[in-house]
């Protein structure tokens, strides 16, 4: 059973408060989480990762196969462009971006005096590649100082699991890592991070379920400084009632990080479930308004037959994709490389 399936068992806080068996429920979920994280760590840590194109089979056979079919043996006319427009919108590229891409494509095709529709496909491939920001795709980790990584995102997108995997990757690079479990609204999130900590030898700072997230952040940064850690990764709650609540909570956390670390320029990563499509783009815009993101982690990309969201998010936000999630294993959270991605998906 995948972690995403385990967390479908989790009721929201309001329901749990009304449930007489809430404590038993939390305990059962915690045990299931620990068992599943242990299984993942054991099965995947030493496994050689599969080539990216093998992990993107569903996306490739969905969006990109249909995309190529638009240009196969067809005349370059309004009907072809209309068919392409419909496909791009359906594939989560978004209405506005689709119109911009089509307009740019028509201009380049006309300028190059292209006669073969399959050549139009190659031009479209280049345009889409240009929409993915390739600058600063690597984590900004500087030796000799405490590096902060603040991770945000709504519940259910794979945020906590991504944190565990990033911590494991940094540990493999001989970085001393600490995790702050500041998602105190969801007890299973704390237990999940604790299990990752046990398996990877990473210290996890936590407090009780429902405690002040700011206090966890304070303790995490204080401990990281005193013990000379290289990287502190901060988890945050993904279930806040409205934009105002979200802004206040993240502003508070941001202020504490700056006060405790002396740094105001640190990694602020948003985790988005690739299968949510345009809803994911709206999430990205909201979080970027609040915390000025430094990058995005797209999870579950192996599970979507669309894929256009990666171009929309990168182009709209002008932020780099830092990681691409293409499976359950630790090595399936891939450090993003735009050229590798385009070659894998269009090959």
C-alpha atoms as a PDB file:
ATOM      1  CA  UNK A   1       0.000   0.000   0.000  1.00  0.00           C
ATOM      2  CA  UNK A   2       1.388   3.410  -0.978  1.00  0.00           C
ATOM      3  CA  UNK A   3       1.600   6.242   1.538  1.00  0.00           C
ATOM      4  CA  UNK A   4      -0.893   8.283  -0.459  1.00  0.00           C
ATOM      5  CA  UNK A   5      -3.420   5.491   0.085  1.00  0.00           C
ATOM      6  CA  UNK A   6      -2.667   5.295   3.781  1.00  0.00           C
ATOM      7  CA  UNK A   7      -3.411   8.956   4.266  1.00  0.00           C
ATOM      8  CA  UNK A   8      -6.803   8.623   2.612  1.00  0.00           C
ATOM      9  CA  UNK A   9      -7.695   6.825   5.865  1.00  0.00           C
ATOM     10  CA  UNK A  10      -6.928   9.954   7.838  1.00  0.00           C
ATOM     11  CA  UNK A  11      -9.956  12.041   8.840  1.00  0.00           C
ATOM     12  CA  UNK A  12      -9.704  15.792   9.084  1.00  0.00           C
ATOM     13  CA  UNK A  13      -9.217  17.405  12.474  1.00  0.00           C
ATOM     14  CA  UNK A  14     -12.822  18.451  12.906  1.00  0.00           C
ATOM     15  CA  UNK A  15     -14.017  14.892  12.354  1.00  0.00           C
ATOM     16  CA  UNK A  16     -11.401  13.446  14.661  1.00  0.00           C
ATOM     17  CA  UNK A  17     -12.361  15.828  17.469  1.00  0.00           C
ATOM     18  CA  UNK A  18     -15.875  14.437  17.285  1.00  0.00           C
ATOM     19  CA  UNK A  19     -14.796  10.804  17.044  1.00  0.00           C
ATOM     20  CA  UNK A  20     -14.701   8.907  20.331  1.00  0.00           C
ATOM     21  CA  UNK A  21     -12.113   6.561  18.871  1.00  0.00           C
ATOM     22  CA  UNK A  22      -9.805   9.352  17.682  1.00  0.00           C
ATOM     23  CA  UNK A  23      -6.828   8.250  19.756  1.00  0.00           C
ATOM     24  CA  UNK A  24      -7.104   4.694  18.490  1.00  0.00           C
ATOM     25  CA  UNK A  25      -7.428   5.923  14.932  1.00  0.00           C
ATOM     26  CA  UNK A  26      -4.291   8.074  15.207  1.00  0.00           C
ATOM     27  CA  UNK A  27      -2.383   5.165  16.736  1.00  0.00           C
ATOM     28  CA  UNK A  28      -3.408   2.774  13.952  1.00  0.00           C
ATOM     29  CA  UNK A  29      -2.495   5.279  11.243  1.00  0.00           C
ATOM     30  CA  UNK A  30       0.820   5.999  12.924  1.00  0.00           C
ATOM     31  CA  UNK A  31       1.663   2.285  12.957  1.00  0.00           C
ATOM     32  CA  UNK A  32       0.711   1.943   9.286  1.00  0.00           C
ATOM     33  CA  UNK A  33       2.823   4.978   8.364  1.00  0.00           C
ATOM     34  CA  UNK A  34       5.860   3.661  10.237  1.00  0.00           C
ATOM     35  CA  UNK A  35       5.528   0.253   8.591  1.00  0.00           C
ATOM     36  CA  UNK A  36       5.186   1.737   5.098  1.00  0.00           C
ATOM     37  CA  UNK A  37       8.083   4.204   5.469  1.00  0.00           C
ATOM     38  CA  UNK A  38      10.301   1.400   6.779  1.00  0.00           C
ATOM     39  CA  UNK A  39       9.338  -0.743   3.802  1.00  0.00           C
ATOM     40  CA  UNK A  40      10.137   2.068   1.371  1.00  0.00           C
ATOM     41  CA  UNK A  41      13.498   2.769   2.971  1.00  0.00           C
ATOM     42  CA  UNK A  42      14.507  -0.889   2.921  1.00  0.00           C
ATOM     43  CA  UNK A  43      13.308  -1.633  -0.607  1.00  0.00           C
ATOM     44  CA  UNK A  44      14.403   1.488  -2.434  1.00  0.00           C
ATOM     45  CA  UNK A  45      17.504   2.964  -0.802  1.00  0.00           C
ATOM     46  CA  UNK A  46      19.895   0.632  -2.627  1.00  0.00           C
ATOM     47  CA  UNK A  47      17.815   0.163  -5.766  1.00  0.00           C
ATOM     48  CA  UNK A  48      19.314   1.503  -8.964  1.00  0.00           C
ATOM     49  CA  UNK A  49      16.905   4.145 -10.290  1.00  0.00           C
ATOM     50  CA  UNK A  50      15.203   3.435 -13.606  1.00  0.00           C
ATOM     51  CA  UNK A  51      15.799   5.800 -16.551  1.00  0.00           C
ATOM     52  CA  UNK A  52      13.505   8.813 -16.429  1.00  0.00           C
ATOM     53  CA  UNK A  53      11.755   7.898 -19.688  1.00  0.00           C
ATOM     54  CA  UNK A  54      10.686   4.579 -18.150  1.00  0.00           C
ATOM     55  CA  UNK A  55       9.110   6.422 -15.224  1.00  0.00           C
ATOM     56  CA  UNK A  56       7.199   8.765 -17.529  1.00  0.00           C
ATOM     57  CA  UNK A  57       5.518   6.096 -19.652  1.00  0.00           C
ATOM     58  CA  UNK A  58       1.973   7.092 -18.693  1.00  0.00           C
ATOM     59  CA  UNK A  59       2.574  10.770 -19.443  1.00  0.00           C
ATOM     60  CA  UNK A  60       4.405   9.978 -22.661  1.00  0.00           C
ATOM     61  CA  UNK A  61       1.671   7.659 -23.921  1.00  0.00           C
ATOM     62  CA  UNK A  62      -0.979  10.176 -22.942  1.00  0.00           C
ATOM     63  CA  UNK A  63      -0.295  13.819 -23.647  1.00  0.00           C
ATOM     64  CA  UNK A  64       2.848  13.536 -25.762  1.00  0.00           C
ATOM     65  CA  UNK A  65       1.741  10.686 -28.009  1.00  0.00           C
ATOM     66  CA  UNK A  66      -1.465  12.586 -28.796  1.00  0.00           C
ATOM     67  CA  UNK A  67       0.606  15.701 -29.340  1.00  0.00           C
ATOM     68  CA  UNK A  68       2.737  14.051 -31.995  1.00  0.00           C
ATOM     69  CA  UNK A  69      -0.335  12.583 -33.706  1.00  0.00           C
ATOM     70  CA  UNK A  70      -1.621  16.123 -34.331  1.00  0.00           C
ATOM     71  CA  UNK A  71       1.259  16.677 -36.781  1.00  0.00           C
ATOM     72  CA  UNK A  72       1.479  13.275 -38.448  1.00  0.00           C
ATOM     73  CA  UNK A  73       0.652  13.472 -42.159  1.00  0.00           C
ATOM     74  CA  UNK A  74      -1.579  16.537 -41.817  1.00  0.00           C
ATOM     75  CA  UNK A  75      -1.555  19.854 -43.669  1.00  0.00           C
ATOM     76  CA  UNK A  76      -0.472  22.971 -41.825  1.00  0.00           C
ATOM     77  CA  UNK A  77      -3.801  24.783 -41.599  1.00  0.00           C
ATOM     78  CA  UNK A  78      -6.294  26.271 -39.166  1.00  0.00           C
ATOM     79  CA  UNK A  79      -7.767  22.856 -38.432  1.00  0.00           C
ATOM     80  CA  UNK A  80      -4.373  21.547 -37.275  1.00  0.00           C
ATOM     81  CA  UNK A  81      -3.829  24.531 -34.987  1.00  0.00           C
ATOM     82  CA  UNK A  82      -7.345  24.208 -33.549  1.00  0.00           C
ATOM     83  CA  UNK A  83      -6.774  20.522 -32.811  1.00  0.00           C
ATOM     84  CA  UNK A  84      -3.483  21.384 -31.130  1.00  0.00           C
ATOM     85  CA  UNK A  85      -5.125  24.146 -29.099  1.00  0.00           C
ATOM     86  CA  UNK A  86      -7.777  21.766 -27.761  1.00  0.00           C
ATOM     87  CA  UNK A  87      -5.165  19.183 -26.813  1.00  0.00           C
ATOM     88  CA  UNK A  88      -2.922  21.654 -25.001  1.00  0.00           C
ATOM     89  CA  UNK A  89      -5.835  22.985 -22.943  1.00  0.00           C
ATOM     90  CA  UNK A  90      -6.963  19.453 -22.060  1.00  0.00           C
ATOM     91  CA  UNK A  91      -3.408  18.593 -21.044  1.00  0.00           C
ATOM     92  CA  UNK A  92      -3.308  21.209 -18.245  1.00  0.00           C
ATOM     93  CA  UNK A  93      -1.275  23.788 -20.100  1.00  0.00           C
ATOM     94  CA  UNK A  94      -4.005  26.297 -19.307  1.00  0.00           C
ATOM     95  CA  UNK A  95      -6.069  28.517 -21.593  1.00  0.00           C
ATOM     96  CA  UNK A  96      -3.915  31.667 -21.532  1.00  0.00           C
ATOM     97  CA  UNK A  97      -0.619  29.844 -21.960  1.00  0.00           C
ATOM     98  CA  UNK A  98      -2.050  27.703 -24.740  1.00  0.00           C
ATOM     99  CA  UNK A  99      -3.023  30.796 -26.724  1.00  0.00           C
ATOM    100  CA  UNK A 100       0.465  32.253 -26.253  1.00  0.00           C
ATOM    101  CA  UNK A 101       2.113  29.012 -27.362  1.00  0.00           C
ATOM    102  CA  UNK A 102      -0.094  28.683 -30.461  1.00  0.00           C
ATOM    103  CA  UNK A 103       0.540  32.297 -31.455  1.00  0.00           C
ATOM    104  CA  UNK A 104       4.300  31.882 -31.038  1.00  0.00           C
ATOM    105  CA  UNK A 105       4.220  28.603 -32.959  1.00  0.00           C
ATOM    106  CA  UNK A 106       2.368  30.121 -35.912  1.00  0.00           C
ATOM    107  CA  UNK A 107       4.837  33.004 -36.073  1.00  0.00           C
ATOM    108  CA  UNK A 108       7.888  30.721 -36.053  1.00  0.00           C
ATOM    109  CA  UNK A 109       6.385  28.340 -38.615  1.00  0.00           C
ATOM    110  CA  UNK A 110       5.574  31.232 -40.936  1.00  0.00           C
ATOM    111  CA  UNK A 111       8.997  32.819 -40.481  1.00  0.00           C
ATOM    112  CA  UNK A 112      10.799  29.521 -41.171  1.00  0.00           C
ATOM    113  CA  UNK A 113       8.502  28.824 -44.157  1.00  0.00           C
ATOM    114  CA  UNK A 114       7.860  25.311 -42.877  1.00  0.00           C
ATOM    115  CA  UNK A 115       5.940  23.036 -45.250  1.00  0.00           C
ATOM    116  CA  UNK A 116       6.036  19.689 -43.404  1.00  0.00           C
ATOM    117  CA  UNK A 117       3.721  19.394 -40.390  1.00  0.00           C
ATOM    118  CA  UNK A 118       6.185  17.098 -38.600  1.00  0.00           C
ATOM    119  CA  UNK A 119       8.679  19.969 -38.605  1.00  0.00           C
ATOM    120  CA  UNK A 120       6.042  22.011 -36.781  1.00  0.00           C
ATOM    121  CA  UNK A 121       6.202  19.412 -33.996  1.00  0.00           C
ATOM    122  CA  UNK A 122       9.939  20.051 -33.606  1.00  0.00           C
ATOM    123  CA  UNK A 123       9.321  23.793 -33.319  1.00  0.00           C
ATOM    124  CA  UNK A 124       6.612  23.220 -30.705  1.00  0.00           C
ATOM    125  CA  UNK A 125       9.011  20.973 -28.770  1.00  0.00           C
ATOM    126  CA  UNK A 126      11.549  23.809 -28.677  1.00  0.00           C
ATOM    127  CA  UNK A 127       8.939  26.355 -27.567  1.00  0.00           C
ATOM    128  CA  UNK A 128       7.792  24.132 -24.691  1.00  0.00           C
ATOM    129  CA  UNK A 129      11.408  23.504 -23.662  1.00  0.00           C
ATOM    130  CA  UNK A 130      11.914  27.255 -23.432  1.00  0.00           C
ATOM    131  CA  UNK A 131       8.948  27.511 -21.053  1.00  0.00           C
ATOM    132  CA  UNK A 132      10.726  25.429 -18.408  1.00  0.00           C
ATOM    133  CA  UNK A 133      13.029  27.509 -16.259  1.00  0.00           C
ATOM    134  CA  UNK A 134      16.412  25.771 -16.130  1.00  0.00           C
ATOM    135  CA  UNK A 135      18.206  28.271 -13.894  1.00  0.00           C
ATOM    136  CA  UNK A 136      18.844  27.443 -10.230  1.00  0.00           C
ATOM    137  CA  UNK A 137      17.243  24.020 -10.478  1.00  0.00           C
ATOM    138  CA  UNK A 138      19.706  22.632  -7.926  1.00  0.00           C
ATOM    139  CA  UNK A 139      19.167  23.258  -4.221  1.00  0.00           C
ATOM    140  CA  UNK A 140      21.104  26.283  -2.985  1.00  0.00           C
ATOM    141  CA  UNK A 141      23.274  24.581  -0.359  1.00  0.00           C
ATOM    142  CA  UNK A 142      26.335  26.547   0.766  1.00  0.00           C
ATOM    143  CA  UNK A 143      29.139  24.909   2.755  1.00  0.00           C
ATOM    144  CA  UNK A 144      30.114  26.378   6.105  1.00  0.00           C
ATOM    145  CA  UNK A 145      26.705  27.754   7.092  1.00  0.00           C
ATOM    146  CA  UNK A 146      23.255  26.629   8.173  1.00  0.00           C
ATOM    147  CA  UNK A 147      21.053  26.224   5.095  1.00  0.00           C
ATOM    148  CA  UNK A 148      17.290  26.464   5.608  1.00  0.00           C
ATOM    149  CA  UNK A 149      14.720  24.680   3.434  1.00  0.00           C
ATOM    150  CA  UNK A 150      11.113  25.677   4.150  1.00  0.00           C
ATOM    151  CA  UNK A 151       8.635  23.286   2.545  1.00  0.00           C
ATOM    152  CA  UNK A 152       5.006  24.277   1.933  1.00  0.00           C
ATOM    153  CA  UNK A 153       1.972  22.790   0.197  1.00  0.00           C
ATOM    154  CA  UNK A 154      -1.531  21.537   0.834  1.00  0.00           C
ATOM    155  CA  UNK A 155      -2.232  18.159   2.419  1.00  0.00           C
ATOM    156  CA  UNK A 156      -2.064  15.036   0.302  1.00  0.00           C
ATOM    157  CA  UNK A 157       0.514  16.215  -2.241  1.00  0.00           C
ATOM    158  CA  UNK A 158       3.435  14.194  -0.864  1.00  0.00           C
ATOM    159  CA  UNK A 159       5.030  17.048   1.076  1.00  0.00           C
ATOM    160  CA  UNK A 160       6.161  15.115   4.148  1.00  0.00           C
ATOM    161  CA  UNK A 161       7.442  12.186   2.099  1.00  0.00           C
ATOM    162  CA  UNK A 162       9.379  14.589  -0.141  1.00  0.00           C
ATOM    163  CA  UNK A 163      11.047  16.066   2.935  1.00  0.00           C
ATOM    164  CA  UNK A 164      12.135  12.619   4.085  1.00  0.00           C
ATOM    165  CA  UNK A 165      13.567  11.813   0.674  1.00  0.00           C
ATOM    166  CA  UNK A 166      15.407  15.140   0.377  1.00  0.00           C
ATOM    167  CA  UNK A 167      16.895  14.600   3.836  1.00  0.00           C
ATOM    168  CA  UNK A 168      18.063  11.154   2.772  1.00  0.00           C
ATOM    169  CA  UNK A 169      19.647  12.521  -0.405  1.00  0.00           C
ATOM    170  CA  UNK A 170      21.481  15.256   1.498  1.00  0.00           C
ATOM    171  CA  UNK A 171      22.663  12.727   4.066  1.00  0.00           C
ATOM    172  CA  UNK A 172      24.118  10.648   1.228  1.00  0.00           C
ATOM    173  CA  UNK A 173      26.104  13.745   0.262  1.00  0.00           C
ATOM    174  CA  UNK A 174      27.552  13.833   3.794  1.00  0.00           C
ATOM    175  CA  UNK A 175      25.447  16.771   4.909  1.00  0.00           C
ATOM    176  CA  UNK A 176      24.394  16.967   8.545  1.00  0.00           C
ATOM    177  CA  UNK A 177      20.615  17.344   8.361  1.00  0.00           C
ATOM    178  CA  UNK A 178      17.895  18.136  10.874  1.00  0.00           C
ATOM    179  CA  UNK A 179      14.122  18.185  10.291  1.00  0.00           C
ATOM    180  CA  UNK A 180      11.565  20.379  12.042  1.00  0.00           C
ATOM    181  CA  UNK A 181       8.134  18.691  12.213  1.00  0.00           C
ATOM    182  CA  UNK A 182       6.149  21.938  12.237  1.00  0.00           C
ATOM    183  CA  UNK A 183       3.019  20.380  10.756  1.00  0.00           C
ATOM    184  CA  UNK A 184       1.592  19.914  14.232  1.00  0.00           C
ATOM    185  CA  UNK A 185      -2.015  19.752  13.005  1.00  0.00           C
ATOM    186  CA  UNK A 186      -1.562  16.304  11.531  1.00  0.00           C
ATOM    187  CA  UNK A 187      -0.193  13.757  13.978  1.00  0.00           C
ATOM    188  CA  UNK A 188       0.643  11.253  11.254  1.00  0.00           C
ATOM    189  CA  UNK A 189       2.944  13.837   9.628  1.00  0.00           C
ATOM    190  CA  UNK A 190       5.080  13.935  12.786  1.00  0.00           C
ATOM    191  CA  UNK A 191       5.233  10.145  12.996  1.00  0.00           C
ATOM    192  CA  UNK A 192       6.082   9.856   9.334  1.00  0.00           C
ATOM    193  CA  UNK A 193       9.027  12.246   9.675  1.00  0.00           C
ATOM    194  CA  UNK A 194      10.192  10.452  12.804  1.00  0.00           C
ATOM    195  CA  UNK A 195      10.322   7.191  10.891  1.00  0.00           C
ATOM    196  CA  UNK A 196      12.301   8.799   8.074  1.00  0.00           C
ATOM    197  CA  UNK A 197      14.634  10.184  10.738  1.00  0.00           C
ATOM    198  CA  UNK A 198      15.208   6.746  12.249  1.00  0.00           C
ATOM    199  CA  UNK A 199      15.899   5.147   8.905  1.00  0.00           C
ATOM    200  CA  UNK A 200      18.262   7.834   7.628  1.00  0.00           C
ATOM    201  CA  UNK A 201      19.915   8.878  10.879  1.00  0.00           C
ATOM    202  CA  UNK A 202      18.456  12.387  10.713  1.00  0.00           C
ATOM    203  CA  UNK A 203      17.437  14.195  13.891  1.00  0.00           C
ATOM    204  CA  UNK A 204      13.786  15.286  14.016  1.00  0.00           C
ATOM    205  CA  UNK A 205      12.588  18.113  16.251  1.00  0.00           C
ATOM    206  CA  UNK A 206       8.957  17.805  17.276  1.00  0.00           C
ATOM    207  CA  UNK A 207       6.405  18.809  19.860  1.00  0.00           C
ATOM    208  CA  UNK A 208       3.008  17.378  20.721  1.00  0.00           C
ATOM    209  CA  UNK A 209       0.146  17.180  18.244  1.00  0.00           C
ATOM    210  CA  UNK A 210      -1.627  20.557  18.096  1.00  0.00           C
ATOM    211  CA  UNK A 211       1.233  22.577  19.587  1.00  0.00           C
ATOM    212  CA  UNK A 212       2.497  25.892  18.214  1.00  0.00           C
ATOM    213  CA  UNK A 213       4.323  25.341  14.884  1.00  0.00           C
ATOM    214  CA  UNK A 214       6.406  28.453  15.549  1.00  0.00           C
ATOM    215  CA  UNK A 215       7.845  26.832  18.671  1.00  0.00           C
ATOM    216  CA  UNK A 216       8.951  23.821  16.641  1.00  0.00           C
ATOM    217  CA  UNK A 217      10.658  26.092  14.109  1.00  0.00           C
ATOM    218  CA  UNK A 218      12.378  28.006  16.931  1.00  0.00           C
ATOM    219  CA  UNK A 219      13.654  24.789  18.525  1.00  0.00           C
ATOM    220  CA  UNK A 220      14.777  23.379  15.180  1.00  0.00           C
ATOM    221  CA  UNK A 221      16.846  26.408  14.182  1.00  0.00           C
ATOM    222  CA  UNK A 222      18.276  26.792  17.694  1.00  0.00           C
ATOM    223  CA  UNK A 223      19.336  23.153  17.774  1.00  0.00           C
ATOM    224  CA  UNK A 224      20.720  23.333  14.243  1.00  0.00           C
ATOM    225  CA  UNK A 225      22.865  26.330  15.105  1.00  0.00           C
ATOM    226  CA  UNK A 226      24.158  24.969  18.397  1.00  0.00           C
ATOM    227  CA  UNK A 227      25.038  21.561  16.892  1.00  0.00           C
ATOM    228  CA  UNK A 228      26.404  23.050  13.666  1.00  0.00           C
ATOM    229  CA  UNK A 229      24.067  21.345  11.232  1.00  0.00           C
ATOM    230  CA  UNK A 230      24.468  21.948   7.511  1.00  0.00           C
ATOM    231  CA  UNK A 231      20.773  21.850   6.588  1.00  0.00           C
ATOM    232  CA  UNK A 232      17.509  22.372   8.472  1.00  0.00           C
ATOM    233  CA  UNK A 233      14.347  21.283   6.648  1.00  0.00           C
ATOM    234  CA  UNK A 234      11.077  22.699   7.994  1.00  0.00           C
ATOM    235  CA  UNK A 235       7.749  20.965   7.371  1.00  0.00           C
ATOM    236  CA  UNK A 236       4.587  23.106   7.532  1.00  0.00           C
ATOM    237  CA  UNK A 237       0.862  22.471   7.874  1.00  0.00           C
ATOM    238  CA  UNK A 238      -1.100  22.106   4.670  1.00  0.00           C
ATOM    239  CA  UNK A 239      -4.565  22.451   6.148  1.00  0.00           C
ATOM    240  CA  UNK A 240      -5.406  26.024   7.042  1.00  0.00           C
ATOM    241  CA  UNK A 241      -8.887  27.408   6.576  1.00  0.00           C
ATOM    242  CA  UNK A 242      -8.264  30.368   4.299  1.00  0.00           C
ATOM    243  CA  UNK A 243      -5.628  32.570   2.706  1.00  0.00           C
ATOM    244  CA  UNK A 244      -5.506  34.882   5.728  1.00  0.00           C
ATOM    245  CA  UNK A 245      -4.770  32.020   8.141  1.00  0.00           C
ATOM    246  CA  UNK A 246      -2.172  30.604   5.792  1.00  0.00           C
ATOM    247  CA  UNK A 247      -0.463  33.963   5.387  1.00  0.00           C
ATOM    248  CA  UNK A 248      -0.323  34.636   9.130  1.00  0.00           C
ATOM    249  CA  UNK A 249       1.093  31.194   9.909  1.00  0.00           C
ATOM    250  CA  UNK A 250       3.762  31.290   7.210  1.00  0.00           C
ATOM    251  CA  UNK A 251       4.685  34.898   7.968  1.00  0.00           C
ATOM    252  CA  UNK A 252       5.231  33.914  11.590  1.00  0.00           C
ATOM    253  CA  UNK A 253       7.383  30.937  10.630  1.00  0.00           C
ATOM    254  CA  UNK A 254       9.342  33.044   8.146  1.00  0.00           C
ATOM    255  CA  UNK A 255      10.016  35.679  10.800  1.00  0.00           C
ATOM    256  CA  UNK A 256      11.266  33.094  13.296  1.00  0.00           C
ATOM    257  CA  UNK A 257      13.598  31.563  10.704  1.00  0.00           C
ATOM    258  CA  UNK A 258      15.112  34.953   9.896  1.00  0.00           C
ATOM    259  CA  UNK A 259      15.492  35.865  13.576  1.00  0.00           C
ATOM    260  CA  UNK A 260      17.064  32.562  14.555  1.00  0.00           C
ATOM    261  CA  UNK A 261      19.251  31.930  11.517  1.00  0.00           C
ATOM    262  CA  UNK A 262      20.116  35.471  10.505  1.00  0.00           C
ATOM    263  CA  UNK A 263      19.205  34.509   6.939  1.00  0.00           C
ATOM    264  CA  UNK A 264      16.417  36.055   4.876  1.00  0.00           C
ATOM    265  CA  UNK A 265      17.394  34.372   1.604  1.00  0.00           C
ATOM    266  CA  UNK A 266      16.707  30.647   1.910  1.00  0.00           C
ATOM    267  CA  UNK A 267      15.007  27.871  -0.031  1.00  0.00           C
ATOM    268  CA  UNK A 268      11.207  28.005   0.012  1.00  0.00           C
ATOM    269  CA  UNK A 269       9.876  25.010  -1.862  1.00  0.00           C
ATOM    270  CA  UNK A 270       6.284  24.278  -2.840  1.00  0.00           C
ATOM    271  CA  UNK A 271       5.178  20.667  -3.282  1.00  0.00           C
ATOM    272  CA  UNK A 272       2.439  20.117  -5.871  1.00  0.00           C
ATOM    273  CA  UNK A 273       0.651  16.939  -6.923  1.00  0.00           C
ATOM    274  CA  UNK A 274       1.036  16.803 -10.716  1.00  0.00           C
ATOM    275  CA  UNK A 275      -2.281  15.003 -11.137  1.00  0.00           C
ATOM    276  CA  UNK A 276      -4.260  17.993  -9.796  1.00  0.00           C
ATOM    277  CA  UNK A 277      -3.759  19.963 -13.007  1.00  0.00           C
ATOM    278  CA  UNK A 278      -4.808  23.601 -13.088  1.00  0.00           C
ATOM    279  CA  UNK A 279      -5.758  23.454  -9.410  1.00  0.00           C
ATOM    280  CA  UNK A 280      -2.070  22.896  -8.755  1.00  0.00           C
ATOM    281  CA  UNK A 281      -1.261  26.068 -10.685  1.00  0.00           C
ATOM    282  CA  UNK A 282      -3.678  28.040  -8.515  1.00  0.00           C
ATOM    283  CA  UNK A 283      -2.011  26.628  -5.400  1.00  0.00           C
ATOM    284  CA  UNK A 284       1.361  27.678  -6.778  1.00  0.00           C
ATOM    285  CA  UNK A 285       0.195  31.244  -7.380  1.00  0.00           C
ATOM    286  CA  UNK A 286      -1.250  31.507  -3.862  1.00  0.00           C
ATOM    287  CA  UNK A 287       1.830  30.199  -2.063  1.00  0.00           C
ATOM    288  CA  UNK A 288       4.134  32.294  -4.224  1.00  0.00           C
ATOM    289  CA  UNK A 289       2.240  35.426  -3.168  1.00  0.00           C
ATOM    290  CA  UNK A 290       2.748  34.524   0.476  1.00  0.00           C
ATOM    291  CA  UNK A 291       6.316  33.211   0.676  1.00  0.00           C
ATOM    292  CA  UNK A 292       8.034  34.167  -2.635  1.00  0.00           C
ATOM    293  CA  UNK A 293       8.962  30.625  -3.624  1.00  0.00           C
ATOM    294  CA  UNK A 294      12.464  29.664  -4.703  1.00  0.00           C
ATOM    295  CA  UNK A 295      11.342  26.501  -6.457  1.00  0.00           C
ATOM    296  CA  UNK A 296       8.758  23.769  -6.957  1.00  0.00           C
ATOM    297  CA  UNK A 297       8.631  20.019  -6.343  1.00  0.00           C
ATOM    298  CA  UNK A 298       6.221  18.196  -8.660  1.00  0.00           C
ATOM    299  CA  UNK A 299       5.198  14.824  -7.225  1.00  0.00           C
ATOM    300  CA  UNK A 300       3.340  11.870  -8.775  1.00  0.00           C
ATOM    301  CA  UNK A 301       4.383  12.865 -12.279  1.00  0.00           C
ATOM    302  CA  UNK A 302       4.503   9.203 -13.204  1.00  0.00           C
ATOM    303  CA  UNK A 303       0.793   8.992 -12.407  1.00  0.00           C
ATOM    304  CA  UNK A 304      -0.535  11.623 -14.799  1.00  0.00           C
ATOM    305  CA  UNK A 305      -1.387  11.061 -18.447  1.00  0.00           C
ATOM    306  CA  UNK A 306      -1.417  14.809 -19.047  1.00  0.00           C
ATOM    307  CA  UNK A 307       1.806  16.558 -18.044  1.00  0.00           C
ATOM    308  CA  UNK A 308       1.209  20.070 -19.343  1.00  0.00           C
ATOM    309  CA  UNK A 309       1.159  21.431 -15.785  1.00  0.00           C
ATOM    310  CA  UNK A 310       4.970  21.367 -15.623  1.00  0.00           C
ATOM    311  CA  UNK A 311       5.204  23.961 -18.411  1.00  0.00           C
ATOM    312  CA  UNK A 312       2.382  26.091 -17.005  1.00  0.00           C
ATOM    313  CA  UNK A 313       3.818  26.288 -13.477  1.00  0.00           C
ATOM    314  CA  UNK A 314       7.366  27.020 -14.581  1.00  0.00           C
ATOM    315  CA  UNK A 315       6.265  29.636 -17.118  1.00  0.00           C
ATOM    316  CA  UNK A 316       3.645  31.362 -14.939  1.00  0.00           C
ATOM    317  CA  UNK A 317       5.766  31.534 -11.781  1.00  0.00           C
ATOM    318  CA  UNK A 318       9.163  31.943 -13.436  1.00  0.00           C
ATOM    319  CA  UNK A 319      10.433  29.547 -10.783  1.00  0.00           C
ATOM    320  CA  UNK A 320      12.604  26.473 -11.326  1.00  0.00           C
ATOM    321  CA  UNK A 321      11.418  22.917 -10.859  1.00  0.00           C
ATOM    322  CA  UNK A 322      13.757  21.543  -8.176  1.00  0.00           C
ATOM    323  CA  UNK A 323      12.571  17.950  -8.013  1.00  0.00           C
ATOM    324  CA  UNK A 324      10.311  15.668 -10.025  1.00  0.00           C
ATOM    325  CA  UNK A 325       8.574  12.803  -8.231  1.00  0.00           C
ATOM    326  CA  UNK A 326       8.265   9.747 -10.492  1.00  0.00           C
ATOM    327  CA  UNK A 327       7.641   6.892  -8.057  1.00  0.00           C
ATOM    328  CA  UNK A 328       7.494   5.734  -4.446  1.00  0.00           C
ATOM    329  CA  UNK A 329      11.196   5.097  -3.861  1.00  0.00           C
ATOM    330  CA  UNK A 330      13.764   7.469  -2.403  1.00  0.00           C
ATOM    331  CA  UNK A 331      15.633   7.608  -5.709  1.00  0.00           C
ATOM    332  CA  UNK A 332      12.381   8.373  -7.542  1.00  0.00           C
ATOM    333  CA  UNK A 333      12.459  11.939  -6.286  1.00  0.00           C
ATOM    334  CA  UNK A 334      14.724  13.141  -9.097  1.00  0.00           C
ATOM    335  CA  UNK A 335      16.772  16.320  -9.119  1.00  0.00           C
ATOM    336  CA  UNK A 336      15.205  18.092 -12.070  1.00  0.00           C
ATOM    337  CA  UNK A 337      17.120  18.570 -15.300  1.00  0.00           C
ATOM    338  CA  UNK A 338      15.119  20.337 -18.009  1.00  0.00           C
ATOM    339  CA  UNK A 339      17.065  18.898 -20.949  1.00  0.00           C
ATOM    340  CA  UNK A 340      16.868  15.360 -19.555  1.00  0.00           C
ATOM    341  CA  UNK A 341      13.129  15.774 -19.016  1.00  0.00           C
ATOM    342  CA  UNK A 342      12.438  17.106 -22.523  1.00  0.00           C
ATOM    343  CA  UNK A 343      14.575  14.391 -24.153  1.00  0.00           C
ATOM    344  CA  UNK A 344      12.818  11.680 -22.106  1.00  0.00           C
ATOM    345  CA  UNK A 345       9.309  12.916 -22.745  1.00  0.00           C
ATOM    346  CA  UNK A 346       9.604  13.814 -26.446  1.00  0.00           C
ATOM    347  CA  UNK A 347      11.850  10.929 -27.485  1.00  0.00           C
END
